[in-house]
């Protein structure tokens, strides 16, 4: 992974064999990013995507392998219990231009991936919500008190 920071923007290039979620998490720790937006494009040959079932409150994941273009990578960066929390969705297409998408669990880069991170000057935590079964945004002030 190589990247360059321009004030509140970070331009990232991932290399063949690197994994997206792991790489962004590492970068967030190195740059102390607490809140941000992620966009990207690239190529992968192995991706694990999920779909959340609201009835069972479980993710159902699928692994896709083969040459695929990453036509859209988008999501956000926040924190949960002080740790980096990456929430990404991805759309990929195969050689027949069939598109597949969902929550990104993992994607290994086959050629390159170009990512832009918009760093937001702020802090948003997450909390587990019993009703939905998801880790939701929990808006807090600087003293880490919840804001309603």
C-alpha atoms as a PDB file:
ATOM      1  CA  UNK A   1       0.000   0.000   0.000  1.00  0.00           C
ATOM      2  CA  UNK A   2       1.159   3.461  -0.860  1.00  0.00           C
ATOM      3  CA  UNK A   3      -0.646   6.664   0.000  1.00  0.00           C
ATOM      4  CA  UNK A   4      -0.279  10.401   0.090  1.00  0.00           C
ATOM      5  CA  UNK A   5      -2.150  12.849   2.304  1.00  0.00           C
ATOM      6  CA  UNK A   6      -3.427  16.202   1.069  1.00  0.00           C
ATOM      7  CA  UNK A   7      -4.919  17.974   4.136  1.00  0.00           C
ATOM      8  CA  UNK A   8      -8.226  16.121   4.710  1.00  0.00           C
ATOM      9  CA  UNK A   9      -7.897  13.793   1.674  1.00  0.00           C
ATOM     10  CA  UNK A  10      -5.812  10.638   1.446  1.00  0.00           C
ATOM     11  CA  UNK A  11      -5.139   9.048  -1.933  1.00  0.00           C
ATOM     12  CA  UNK A  12      -4.363   5.321  -1.632  1.00  0.00           C
ATOM     13  CA  UNK A  13      -3.035   2.732  -4.056  1.00  0.00           C
ATOM     14  CA  UNK A  14      -3.284  -0.922  -3.103  1.00  0.00           C
ATOM     15  CA  UNK A  15      -1.057  -3.460  -4.808  1.00  0.00           C
ATOM     16  CA  UNK A  16      -1.672  -6.984  -6.027  1.00  0.00           C
ATOM     17  CA  UNK A  17      -2.306  -9.379  -3.126  1.00  0.00           C
ATOM     18  CA  UNK A  18      -3.309  -6.723  -0.594  1.00  0.00           C
ATOM     19  CA  UNK A  19      -6.672  -6.934   1.134  1.00  0.00           C
ATOM     20  CA  UNK A  20      -8.929  -3.853   1.181  1.00  0.00           C
ATOM     21  CA  UNK A  21     -10.448  -3.868   4.697  1.00  0.00           C
ATOM     22  CA  UNK A  22      -7.160  -4.817   6.361  1.00  0.00           C
ATOM     23  CA  UNK A  23      -5.254  -2.139   4.427  1.00  0.00           C
ATOM     24  CA  UNK A  24      -7.722   0.660   5.201  1.00  0.00           C
ATOM     25  CA  UNK A  25      -7.752  -0.339   8.882  1.00  0.00           C
ATOM     26  CA  UNK A  26      -3.940  -0.209   8.981  1.00  0.00           C
ATOM     27  CA  UNK A  27      -3.916   3.213   7.325  1.00  0.00           C
ATOM     28  CA  UNK A  28      -6.539   4.545   9.780  1.00  0.00           C
ATOM     29  CA  UNK A  29      -4.377   3.428  12.694  1.00  0.00           C
ATOM     30  CA  UNK A  30      -1.230   4.971  11.159  1.00  0.00           C
ATOM     31  CA  UNK A  31      -2.958   8.297  10.386  1.00  0.00           C
ATOM     32  CA  UNK A  32      -5.213   8.290  13.503  1.00  0.00           C
ATOM     33  CA  UNK A  33      -8.377   8.626  11.401  1.00  0.00           C
ATOM     34  CA  UNK A  34     -11.471   8.557  13.577  1.00  0.00           C
ATOM     35  CA  UNK A  35     -14.114   9.482  11.009  1.00  0.00           C
ATOM     36  CA  UNK A  36     -14.179   9.460   7.223  1.00  0.00           C
ATOM     37  CA  UNK A  37     -15.700   8.488   3.910  1.00  0.00           C
ATOM     38  CA  UNK A  38     -14.218   5.904   1.533  1.00  0.00           C
ATOM     39  CA  UNK A  39     -14.617   5.605  -2.249  1.00  0.00           C
ATOM     40  CA  UNK A  40     -12.696   3.484  -4.702  1.00  0.00           C
ATOM     41  CA  UNK A  41     -12.328   1.443  -7.880  1.00  0.00           C
ATOM     42  CA  UNK A  42      -9.979  -1.339  -8.928  1.00  0.00           C
ATOM     43  CA  UNK A  43      -9.703  -5.045  -9.628  1.00  0.00           C
ATOM     44  CA  UNK A  44     -10.043  -8.161  -7.488  1.00  0.00           C
ATOM     45  CA  UNK A  45      -9.895 -11.903  -7.988  1.00  0.00           C
ATOM     46  CA  UNK A  46     -11.393 -12.907  -4.641  1.00  0.00           C
ATOM     47  CA  UNK A  47     -14.118 -11.089  -2.748  1.00  0.00           C
ATOM     48  CA  UNK A  48     -16.395 -12.018   0.147  1.00  0.00           C
ATOM     49  CA  UNK A  49     -19.642 -10.070   0.220  1.00  0.00           C
ATOM     50  CA  UNK A  50     -22.539 -10.287   2.605  1.00  0.00           C
ATOM     51  CA  UNK A  51     -26.208  -9.521   2.856  1.00  0.00           C
ATOM     52  CA  UNK A  52     -27.824  -8.817   6.224  1.00  0.00           C
ATOM     53  CA  UNK A  53     -31.064 -10.708   6.902  1.00  0.00           C
ATOM     54  CA  UNK A  54     -33.177  -8.391   9.076  1.00  0.00           C
ATOM     55  CA  UNK A  55     -35.383 -11.250  10.312  1.00  0.00           C
ATOM     56  CA  UNK A  56     -32.574 -13.510  11.569  1.00  0.00           C
ATOM     57  CA  UNK A  57     -30.182 -10.605  12.291  1.00  0.00           C
ATOM     58  CA  UNK A  58     -27.379 -12.502  10.552  1.00  0.00           C
ATOM     59  CA  UNK A  59     -25.075 -11.829   7.616  1.00  0.00           C
ATOM     60  CA  UNK A  60     -25.072 -14.385   4.829  1.00  0.00           C
ATOM     61  CA  UNK A  61     -21.813 -14.238   2.904  1.00  0.00           C
ATOM     62  CA  UNK A  62     -20.745 -15.374  -0.537  1.00  0.00           C
ATOM     63  CA  UNK A  63     -17.192 -15.756  -1.845  1.00  0.00           C
ATOM     64  CA  UNK A  64     -16.650 -14.913  -5.507  1.00  0.00           C
ATOM     65  CA  UNK A  65     -13.431 -15.807  -7.340  1.00  0.00           C
ATOM     66  CA  UNK A  66     -12.121 -14.910 -10.774  1.00  0.00           C
ATOM     67  CA  UNK A  67     -11.262 -11.709 -12.594  1.00  0.00           C
ATOM     68  CA  UNK A  68     -13.581  -8.909 -11.477  1.00  0.00           C
ATOM     69  CA  UNK A  69     -13.622  -5.140 -11.770  1.00  0.00           C
ATOM     70  CA  UNK A  70     -14.455  -3.184  -8.633  1.00  0.00           C
ATOM     71  CA  UNK A  71     -16.983  -0.798 -10.155  1.00  0.00           C
ATOM     72  CA  UNK A  72     -17.766   0.843  -6.827  1.00  0.00           C
ATOM     73  CA  UNK A  73     -16.315   0.746  -3.347  1.00  0.00           C
ATOM     74  CA  UNK A  74     -17.988   3.032  -0.836  1.00  0.00           C
ATOM     75  CA  UNK A  75     -18.443   3.316   2.876  1.00  0.00           C
ATOM     76  CA  UNK A  76     -17.305   4.991   6.033  1.00  0.00           C
ATOM     77  CA  UNK A  77     -14.816   4.978   8.859  1.00  0.00           C
ATOM     78  CA  UNK A  78     -15.828   5.400  12.485  1.00  0.00           C
ATOM     79  CA  UNK A  79     -14.848   3.913  15.841  1.00  0.00           C
ATOM     80  CA  UNK A  80     -16.320   1.260  18.122  1.00  0.00           C
ATOM     81  CA  UNK A  81     -14.972   0.893  21.641  1.00  0.00           C
ATOM     82  CA  UNK A  82     -12.069   3.107  20.564  1.00  0.00           C
ATOM     83  CA  UNK A  83     -11.046   0.791  17.707  1.00  0.00           C
ATOM     84  CA  UNK A  84     -11.189   1.545  13.963  1.00  0.00           C
ATOM     85  CA  UNK A  85     -14.510   0.407  12.486  1.00  0.00           C
ATOM     86  CA  UNK A  86     -14.653   0.093   8.694  1.00  0.00           C
ATOM     87  CA  UNK A  87     -18.099  -0.255   7.057  1.00  0.00           C
ATOM     88  CA  UNK A  88     -17.840  -0.819   3.304  1.00  0.00           C
ATOM     89  CA  UNK A  89     -20.080  -1.923   0.476  1.00  0.00           C
ATOM     90  CA  UNK A  90     -18.783  -3.088  -2.893  1.00  0.00           C
ATOM     91  CA  UNK A  91     -20.044  -3.756  -6.391  1.00  0.00           C
ATOM     92  CA  UNK A  92     -17.972  -5.982  -8.676  1.00  0.00           C
ATOM     93  CA  UNK A  93     -18.598  -7.278 -12.179  1.00  0.00           C
ATOM     94  CA  UNK A  94     -17.307 -10.382 -13.914  1.00  0.00           C
ATOM     95  CA  UNK A  95     -16.150 -10.925 -17.509  1.00  0.00           C
ATOM     96  CA  UNK A  96     -19.784 -11.053 -18.645  1.00  0.00           C
ATOM     97  CA  UNK A  97     -20.423  -7.703 -16.946  1.00  0.00           C
ATOM     98  CA  UNK A  98     -22.737  -9.329 -14.402  1.00  0.00           C
ATOM     99  CA  UNK A  99     -22.682  -7.246 -11.246  1.00  0.00           C
ATOM    100  CA  UNK A 100     -22.629  -8.522  -7.676  1.00  0.00           C
ATOM    101  CA  UNK A 101     -22.672  -6.411  -4.565  1.00  0.00           C
ATOM    102  CA  UNK A 102     -23.176  -6.210  -0.859  1.00  0.00           C
ATOM    103  CA  UNK A 103     -21.429  -5.596   2.430  1.00  0.00           C
ATOM    104  CA  UNK A 104     -17.678  -6.052   1.959  1.00  0.00           C
ATOM    105  CA  UNK A 105     -16.114  -8.611   4.273  1.00  0.00           C
ATOM    106  CA  UNK A 106     -12.887  -9.039   2.308  1.00  0.00           C
ATOM    107  CA  UNK A 107     -11.420  -8.429  -1.150  1.00  0.00           C
ATOM    108  CA  UNK A 108      -7.950  -9.328  -2.407  1.00  0.00           C
ATOM    109  CA  UNK A 109      -6.547  -7.033  -5.079  1.00  0.00           C
ATOM    110  CA  UNK A 110      -5.580  -8.685  -8.376  1.00  0.00           C
ATOM    111  CA  UNK A 111      -4.028  -5.679 -10.127  1.00  0.00           C
ATOM    112  CA  UNK A 112      -4.551  -2.393  -8.274  1.00  0.00           C
ATOM    113  CA  UNK A 113      -7.125  -0.487  -6.271  1.00  0.00           C
ATOM    114  CA  UNK A 114      -7.429   3.301  -6.129  1.00  0.00           C
ATOM    115  CA  UNK A 115      -9.078   4.630  -2.996  1.00  0.00           C
ATOM    116  CA  UNK A 116      -9.862   8.127  -1.800  1.00  0.00           C
ATOM    117  CA  UNK A 117     -10.477   8.724   1.890  1.00  0.00           C
ATOM    118  CA  UNK A 118     -12.153  11.960   2.930  1.00  0.00           C
ATOM    119  CA  UNK A 119     -11.076  12.530   6.530  1.00  0.00           C
ATOM    120  CA  UNK A 120     -13.748  14.212   8.648  1.00  0.00           C
ATOM    121  CA  UNK A 121     -12.648  16.253  11.646  1.00  0.00           C
ATOM    122  CA  UNK A 122     -14.841  14.619  14.270  1.00  0.00           C
ATOM    123  CA  UNK A 123     -15.660  11.479  16.176  1.00  0.00           C
ATOM    124  CA  UNK A 124     -18.556   9.073  15.754  1.00  0.00           C
ATOM    125  CA  UNK A 125     -18.658   5.904  17.811  1.00  0.00           C
ATOM    126  CA  UNK A 126     -20.805   2.804  17.273  1.00  0.00           C
ATOM    127  CA  UNK A 127     -22.961   0.787  19.592  1.00  0.00           C
ATOM    128  CA  UNK A 128     -24.641  -2.577  19.178  1.00  0.00           C
ATOM    129  CA  UNK A 129     -28.404  -2.227  18.720  1.00  0.00           C
ATOM    130  CA  UNK A 130     -30.428  -5.170  20.035  1.00  0.00           C
ATOM    131  CA  UNK A 131     -33.470  -4.354  17.900  1.00  0.00           C
ATOM    132  CA  UNK A 132     -31.686  -4.416  14.541  1.00  0.00           C
ATOM    133  CA  UNK A 133     -28.719  -6.625  15.429  1.00  0.00           C
ATOM    134  CA  UNK A 134     -26.358  -4.060  13.893  1.00  0.00           C
ATOM    135  CA  UNK A 135     -23.569  -1.788  15.108  1.00  0.00           C
ATOM    136  CA  UNK A 136     -25.141   1.640  14.615  1.00  0.00           C
ATOM    137  CA  UNK A 137     -23.696   5.144  14.682  1.00  0.00           C
ATOM    138  CA  UNK A 138     -23.639   6.484  18.228  1.00  0.00           C
ATOM    139  CA  UNK A 139     -23.184  10.240  18.141  1.00  0.00           C
ATOM    140  CA  UNK A 140     -20.967  11.427  20.971  1.00  0.00           C
ATOM    141  CA  UNK A 141     -19.406  14.733  21.936  1.00  0.00           C
ATOM    142  CA  UNK A 142     -15.710  15.210  22.654  1.00  0.00           C
ATOM    143  CA  UNK A 143     -16.192  13.907  26.208  1.00  0.00           C
ATOM    144  CA  UNK A 144     -17.648  10.718  24.743  1.00  0.00           C
ATOM    145  CA  UNK A 145     -21.166  11.490  26.058  1.00  0.00           C
ATOM    146  CA  UNK A 146     -24.063  10.437  23.809  1.00  0.00           C
ATOM    147  CA  UNK A 147     -25.851  13.210  21.940  1.00  0.00           C
ATOM    148  CA  UNK A 148     -29.560  12.852  21.240  1.00  0.00           C
END
